[in-house]
C-alpha atoms as a PDB file:
ATOM      1  CA  MET A   1      -0.127   0.037   0.017  1.00  0.00           C
ATOM      2  CA  LYS A   2       1.506   3.449  -0.988  1.00  0.00           C
ATOM      3  CA  ILE A   3       1.795   5.904   1.950  1.00  0.00           C
ATOM      4  CA  GLU A   4      -0.090   8.753  -0.248  1.00  0.00           C
ATOM      5  CA  ALA A   5      -3.260   6.321   0.218  1.00  0.00           C
ATOM      6  CA  LEU A   6      -3.219   6.410   3.789  1.00  0.00           C
ATOM      7  CA  HIS A   7      -5.081   9.101   5.973  1.00  0.00           C
ATOM      8  CA  ILE A   8      -5.389   9.280   9.842  1.00  0.00           C
ATOM      9  CA  GLY A   9      -8.363   7.583  10.987  1.00  0.00           C
ATOM     10  CA  GLN A  10      -8.235   4.866   8.329  1.00  0.00           C
ATOM     11  CA  ALA A  11      -8.721   1.297   9.301  1.00  0.00           C
ATOM     12  CA  VAL A  12      -6.157  -1.041   7.899  1.00  0.00           C
ATOM     13  CA  THR A  13      -5.150  -4.459   8.202  1.00  0.00           C
ATOM     14  CA  HIS A  14      -1.460  -5.900   8.542  1.00  0.00           C
ATOM     15  CA  PRO A  15      -0.510  -9.401   7.931  1.00  0.00           C
ATOM     16  CA  GLN A  16       1.302  -9.706  11.401  1.00  0.00           C
ATOM     17  CA  TYR A  17      -0.492  -7.109  13.636  1.00  0.00           C
ATOM     18  CA  GLY A  18      -3.903  -7.600  12.275  1.00  0.00           C
ATOM     19  CA  LYS A  19      -6.543  -4.650  12.349  1.00  0.00           C
ATOM     20  CA  GLY A  20      -5.582  -1.231  13.082  1.00  0.00           C
ATOM     21  CA  VAL A  21      -6.095   2.438  12.760  1.00  0.00           C
ATOM     22  CA  VAL A  22      -3.864   4.834  11.527  1.00  0.00           C
ATOM     23  CA  LYS A  23      -2.843   7.490  13.949  1.00  0.00           C
ATOM     24  CA  SER A  24      -0.356   9.337  12.063  1.00  0.00           C
ATOM     25  CA  VAL A  25       1.514   9.507   8.667  1.00  0.00           C
ATOM     26  CA  ASN A  26       4.956  10.392   8.022  1.00  0.00           C
ATOM     27  CA  GLU A  27       7.095  10.454   4.882  1.00  0.00           C
ATOM     28  CA  HIS A  28       8.053   6.838   4.738  1.00  0.00           C
ATOM     29  CA  THR A  29       6.095   5.111   7.630  1.00  0.00           C
ATOM     30  CA  ALA A  30       2.752   5.448   9.378  1.00  0.00           C
ATOM     31  CA  ASP A  31       2.094   4.899  13.185  1.00  0.00           C
ATOM     32  CA  ILE A  32      -0.699   2.784  13.526  1.00  0.00           C
ATOM     33  CA  HIS A  33      -2.660   1.299  16.719  1.00  0.00           C
ATOM     34  CA  PHE A  34      -3.158  -2.166  16.373  1.00  0.00           C
ATOM     35  CA  GLU A  35      -6.095  -4.109  18.421  1.00  0.00           C
ATOM     36  CA  THR A  36      -3.640  -6.774  19.352  1.00  0.00           C
ATOM     37  CA  ALA A  37      -0.116  -5.286  18.969  1.00  0.00           C
ATOM     38  CA  GLY A  38      -0.853  -1.834  20.362  1.00  0.00           C
ATOM     39  CA  HIS A  39       1.322   1.019  18.764  1.00  0.00           C
ATOM     40  CA  GLN A  40       3.647   0.241  15.872  1.00  0.00           C
ATOM     41  CA  THR A  41       5.342   2.142  13.377  1.00  0.00           C
ATOM     42  CA  VAL A  42       5.400   0.332   9.820  1.00  0.00           C
ATOM     43  CA  SER A  43       6.335   1.238   6.309  1.00  0.00           C
ATOM     44  CA  PRO A  44       2.958   0.639   4.293  1.00  0.00           C
ATOM     45  CA  VAL A  45       4.861  -0.336   1.302  1.00  0.00           C
ATOM     46  CA  LEU A  46       7.097  -2.729   2.527  1.00  0.00           C
ATOM     47  CA  SER A  47       4.788  -4.393   5.462  1.00  0.00           C
ATOM     48  CA  GLY A  48       1.884  -5.493   3.409  1.00  0.00           C
ATOM     49  CA  LEU A  49      -0.559  -3.055   4.936  1.00  0.00           C
ATOM     50  CA  GLU A  50      -3.885  -3.198   3.175  1.00  0.00           C
ATOM     51  CA  PRO A  51      -7.042  -1.003   3.860  1.00  0.00           C
ATOM     52  CA  ALA A  52      -9.479  -2.641   6.018  1.00  0.00           C
ATOM     53  CA  GLU A  53     -12.567  -0.580   4.319  1.00  0.00           C
ATOM     54  CA  THR A  54     -13.863  -0.449   1.099  1.00  0.00           C
ATOM     55  CA  GLN A  55     -11.883   2.108  -0.903  1.00  0.00           C
ATOM     56  CA  ALA A  56     -12.959   4.457  -3.792  1.00  0.00           C
ATOM     57  CA  GLU A  57     -10.706   6.192  -6.170  1.00  0.00           C
ATOM     58  CA  LEU A  58     -12.364   8.973  -8.348  1.00  0.00           C
ATOM     59  CA  LYS A  59      -9.307   9.505 -10.471  1.00  0.00           C
ATOM     60  CA  GLY A  60      -9.955   7.924 -13.769  1.00  0.00           C
ATOM     61  CA  LEU A  61     -13.566   7.051 -13.323  1.00  0.00           C
ATOM     62  CA  GLU A  62     -15.374   6.986 -16.349  1.00  0.00           C
ATOM     63  CA  MET A  63     -18.827   8.140 -15.921  1.00  0.00           C
ATOM     64  CA  PRO A  64     -20.948  11.492 -16.250  1.00  0.00           C
ATOM     65  CA  LEU A  65     -20.666  13.498 -12.820  1.00  0.00           C
ATOM     66  CA  ALA A  66     -24.559  13.853 -12.727  1.00  0.00           C
ATOM     67  CA  LEU A  67     -24.784  10.369 -12.720  1.00  0.00           C
ATOM     68  CA  LEU A  68     -22.127   9.899  -9.720  1.00  0.00           C
ATOM     69  CA  ILE A  69     -23.916  12.493  -7.981  1.00  0.00           C
ATOM     70  CA  ARG A  70     -27.238  11.030  -8.347  1.00  0.00           C
ATOM     71  CA  GLN A  71     -26.570   7.520  -7.278  1.00  0.00           C
ATOM     72  CA  THR A  72     -24.667   9.045  -4.300  1.00  0.00           C
ATOM     73  CA  VAL A  73     -27.859  11.023  -3.265  1.00  0.00           C
ATOM     74  CA  GLU A  74     -30.054   7.977  -3.662  1.00  0.00           C
ATOM     75  CA  ALA A  75     -27.764   5.805  -1.611  1.00  0.00           C
ATOM     76  CA  ALA A  76     -27.665   8.444   1.128  1.00  0.00           C
ATOM     77  CA  ALA A  77     -31.340   8.953   0.962  1.00  0.00           C
ATOM     78  CA  GLU A  78     -32.019   5.295   1.157  1.00  0.00           C
ATOM     79  CA  SER A  79     -29.944   4.815   4.147  1.00  0.00           C
ATOM     80  CA  LEU A  80     -31.753   7.500   5.918  1.00  0.00           C
ATOM     81  CA  GLY A  81     -35.035   6.248   5.044  1.00  0.00           C
ATOM     82  CA  LEU A  82     -36.229   9.235   2.918  1.00  0.00           C
ATOM     83  CA  GLU A  83     -38.559   8.891  -0.023  1.00  0.00           C
ATOM     84  CA  ARG A  84     -37.736   9.552  -3.534  1.00  0.00           C
ATOM     85  CA  PRO A  85     -40.053  12.405  -4.972  1.00  0.00           C
ATOM     86  CA  ASP A  86     -41.514  10.049  -7.519  1.00  0.00           C
ATOM     87  CA  GLU A  87     -42.368   7.365  -5.054  1.00  0.00           C
ATOM     88  CA  ALA A  88     -44.080  10.066  -2.973  1.00  0.00           C
ATOM     89  CA  LEU A  89     -46.103  10.995  -5.814  1.00  0.00           C
ATOM     90  CA  GLY A  90     -47.303   7.352  -6.350  1.00  0.00           C
ATOM     91  CA  LYS A  91     -48.795   7.624  -2.862  1.00  0.00           C
ATOM     92  CA  LEU A  92     -51.097  10.452  -3.760  1.00  0.00           C
ATOM     93  CA  GLY A  93     -54.800   9.324  -4.179  1.00  0.00           C
ATOM     94  CA  ALA A  94     -55.783   8.882  -7.718  1.00  0.00           C
ATOM     95  CA  ARG A  95     -58.613  11.378  -7.652  1.00  0.00           C
ATOM     96  CA  TRP A  96     -56.034  14.214  -6.828  1.00  0.00           C
ATOM     97  CA  HIS A  97     -53.606  13.420  -9.770  1.00  0.00           C
ATOM     98  CA  LYS A  98     -53.508  16.470 -11.975  1.00  0.00           C
ATOM     99  CA  GLY A  99     -55.418  18.439  -9.416  1.00  0.00           C
ATOM    100  CA  HIS A 100     -54.927  22.101  -8.209  1.00  0.00           C
ATOM    101  CA  MET A 101     -55.556  23.787  -4.767  1.00  0.00           C
ATOM    102  CA  VAL A 102     -56.864  27.337  -5.198  1.00  0.00           C
ATOM    103  CA  LEU A 103     -56.535  29.653  -2.149  1.00  0.00           C
ATOM    104  CA  HIS A 104     -59.218  32.386  -2.249  1.00  0.00           C
ATOM    105  CA  PRO A 105     -58.447  35.382  -0.042  1.00  0.00           C
ATOM    106  CA  ALA A 106     -61.194  36.975   1.899  1.00  0.00           C
ATOM    107  CA  ASP A 107     -60.530  40.335   0.287  1.00  0.00           C
ATOM    108  CA  PRO A 108     -62.097  40.156  -3.414  1.00  0.00           C
ATOM    109  CA  ALA A 109     -59.494  42.686  -4.983  1.00  0.00           C
ATOM    110  CA  LEU A 110     -56.637  40.300  -4.132  1.00  0.00           C
ATOM    111  CA  GLN A 111     -55.449  37.614  -6.485  1.00  0.00           C
ATOM    112  CA  THR A 112     -55.981  34.055  -5.774  1.00  0.00           C
ATOM    113  CA  LYS A 113     -53.327  31.467  -5.473  1.00  0.00           C
ATOM    114  CA  GLU A 114     -53.376  28.131  -7.374  1.00  0.00           C
ATOM    115  CA  VAL A 115     -50.675  25.391  -6.419  1.00  0.00           C
ATOM    116  CA  ASP A 116     -50.318  22.051  -8.293  1.00  0.00           C
ATOM    117  CA  LEU A 117     -51.451  19.249  -5.838  1.00  0.00           C
ATOM    118  CA  THR A 118     -48.563  17.207  -6.464  1.00  0.00           C
ATOM    119  CA  VAL A 119     -46.124  19.748  -5.675  1.00  0.00           C
ATOM    120  CA  PHE A 120     -48.135  20.569  -2.459  1.00  0.00           C
ATOM    121  CA  PHE A 121     -48.333  16.804  -2.011  1.00  0.00           C
ATOM    122  CA  HIS A 122     -44.578  16.326  -2.278  1.00  0.00           C
ATOM    123  CA  LYS A 123     -44.053  19.269   0.228  1.00  0.00           C
ATOM    124  CA  ILE A 124     -46.385  17.636   2.693  1.00  0.00           C
ATOM    125  CA  VAL A 125     -44.566  14.133   2.122  1.00  0.00           C
ATOM    126  CA  MET A 126     -41.081  16.103   2.943  1.00  0.00           C
ATOM    127  CA  ILE A 127     -42.259  17.416   6.213  1.00  0.00           C
ATOM    128  CA  ARG A 128     -43.039  14.158   7.144  1.00  0.00           C
ATOM    129  CA  ASN A 129     -39.641  12.681   6.090  1.00  0.00           C
ATOM    130  CA  ASN A 130     -37.963  15.475   8.033  1.00  0.00           C
ATOM    131  CA  LEU A 131     -39.943  14.753  11.093  1.00  0.00           C
ATOM    132  CA  ARG A 132     -38.805  11.537  11.093  1.00  0.00           C
ATOM    133  CA  VAL A 133     -35.177  12.249  10.487  1.00  0.00           C
ATOM    134  CA  LEU A 134     -35.646  14.796  13.482  1.00  0.00           C
ATOM    135  CA  GLU A 135     -37.193  12.027  15.408  1.00  0.00           C
ATOM    136  CA  GLN A 136     -34.438   9.613  14.806  1.00  0.00           C
ATOM    137  CA  LYS A 137     -31.791  12.317  15.618  1.00  0.00           C
ATOM    138  CA  ILE A 138     -33.411  13.222  18.950  1.00  0.00           C
ATOM    139  CA  ASN A 139     -33.846   9.591  20.092  1.00  0.00           C
ATOM    140  CA  GLY A 140     -30.106   8.695  19.062  1.00  0.00           C
ATOM    141  CA  ASP A 141     -28.900  11.712  21.017  1.00  0.00           C
ATOM    142  CA  GLU A 142     -26.616  10.750  23.885  1.00  0.00           C
ATOM    143  CA  LYS A 143     -26.714  14.220  25.513  1.00  0.00           C
ATOM    144  CA  LEU A 144     -30.282  14.521  25.925  1.00  0.00           C
ATOM    145  CA  SER A 145     -31.752  13.033  28.758  1.00  0.00           C
ATOM    146  CA  ASP A 146     -34.830  10.683  28.746  1.00  0.00           C
ATOM    147  CA  ALA A 147     -37.078  13.454  29.805  1.00  0.00           C
ATOM    148  CA  GLU A 148     -35.855  15.675  27.347  1.00  0.00           C
ATOM    149  CA  LYS A 149     -36.199  13.038  24.478  1.00  0.00           C
ATOM    150  CA  VAL A 150     -39.878  12.719  25.758  1.00  0.00           C
ATOM    151  CA  GLU A 151     -40.351  16.477  25.610  1.00  0.00           C
ATOM    152  CA  TRP A 152     -39.150  17.044  22.077  1.00  0.00           C
ATOM    153  CA  GLN A 153     -40.992  13.589  20.941  1.00  0.00           C
ATOM    154  CA  GLN A 154     -44.304  15.547  22.017  1.00  0.00           C
ATOM    155  CA  TYR A 155     -43.787  18.480  20.018  1.00  0.00           C
ATOM    156  CA  ILE A 156     -43.152  16.027  17.007  1.00  0.00           C
ATOM    157  CA  THR A 157     -46.378  14.249  17.926  1.00  0.00           C
ATOM    158  CA  ARG A 158     -48.275  17.521  17.979  1.00  0.00           C
ATOM    159  CA  CYS A 159     -46.890  18.332  14.382  1.00  0.00           C
ATOM    160  CA  TYR A 160     -47.987  14.795  13.148  1.00  0.00           C
ATOM    161  CA  GLY A 161     -51.546  15.713  14.843  1.00  0.00           C
ATOM    162  CA  SER A 162     -51.434  18.987  12.943  1.00  0.00           C
ATOM    163  CA  LEU A 163     -50.826  17.176   9.599  1.00  0.00           C
ATOM    164  CA  THR A 164     -53.632  14.643   9.857  1.00  0.00           C
ATOM    165  CA  THR A 165     -55.710  17.138   7.931  1.00  0.00           C
ATOM    166  CA  PHE A 166     -53.794  16.364   4.756  1.00  0.00           C
ATOM    167  CA  ASN A 167     -54.449  12.556   5.149  1.00  0.00           C
ATOM    168  CA  VAL A 168     -57.315  12.920   2.597  1.00  0.00           C
ATOM    169  CA  LEU A 169     -54.738  13.254   0.033  1.00  0.00           C
ATOM    170  CA  PHE A 170     -52.924   9.990   0.567  1.00  0.00           C
ATOM    171  CA  ARG A 171     -54.034   6.840  -1.393  1.00  0.00           C
ATOM    172  CA  GLU A 172     -53.212   4.279   1.282  1.00  0.00           C
ATOM    173  CA  LYS A 173     -53.829   4.574   4.993  1.00  0.00           C
ATOM    174  CA  GLU A 174     -50.477   3.375   6.108  1.00  0.00           C
ATOM    175  CA  ASP A 175     -48.900   6.225   4.605  1.00  0.00           C
ATOM    176  CA  GLN A 176     -51.022   9.117   6.476  1.00  0.00           C
ATOM    177  CA  PHE A 177     -49.866  10.923   9.432  1.00  0.00           C
END
């Protein structure tokens, strides 16, 4: 393994010492803390050091940048449990497809506002997804006490309750708030 391929915090494996984590990198050697052998200074080139985690090299990658970004974003959204916009549209009730929402102000001199229902529905679904991520972050936060988590959870529950007005837009009951 080339010294240039190492970075601090990288997980590596050594044929003799086993798994370790890179602590510092010098011109020709690296200081690595191994699980079984402790702190060792090794030459990555001569020692047979290998990365212990999946590596990616973008240099020489032959694919459109837009495709790479799209695939990366899709993988991140999937790992976070977020829905894609076109998937959300499939959850819109059939009677609302190609529909519009029209808002009439009380003052007839003011202009009405018309919003495509698919756009509005997508925004509602994004609110739901963001509330779910917020809920996960609150529940997974180590600094918050259980009482604080319950308090914050009550606010999220109230938000879900306020959004039940829009349940009429969903095709399936299990997708509703």
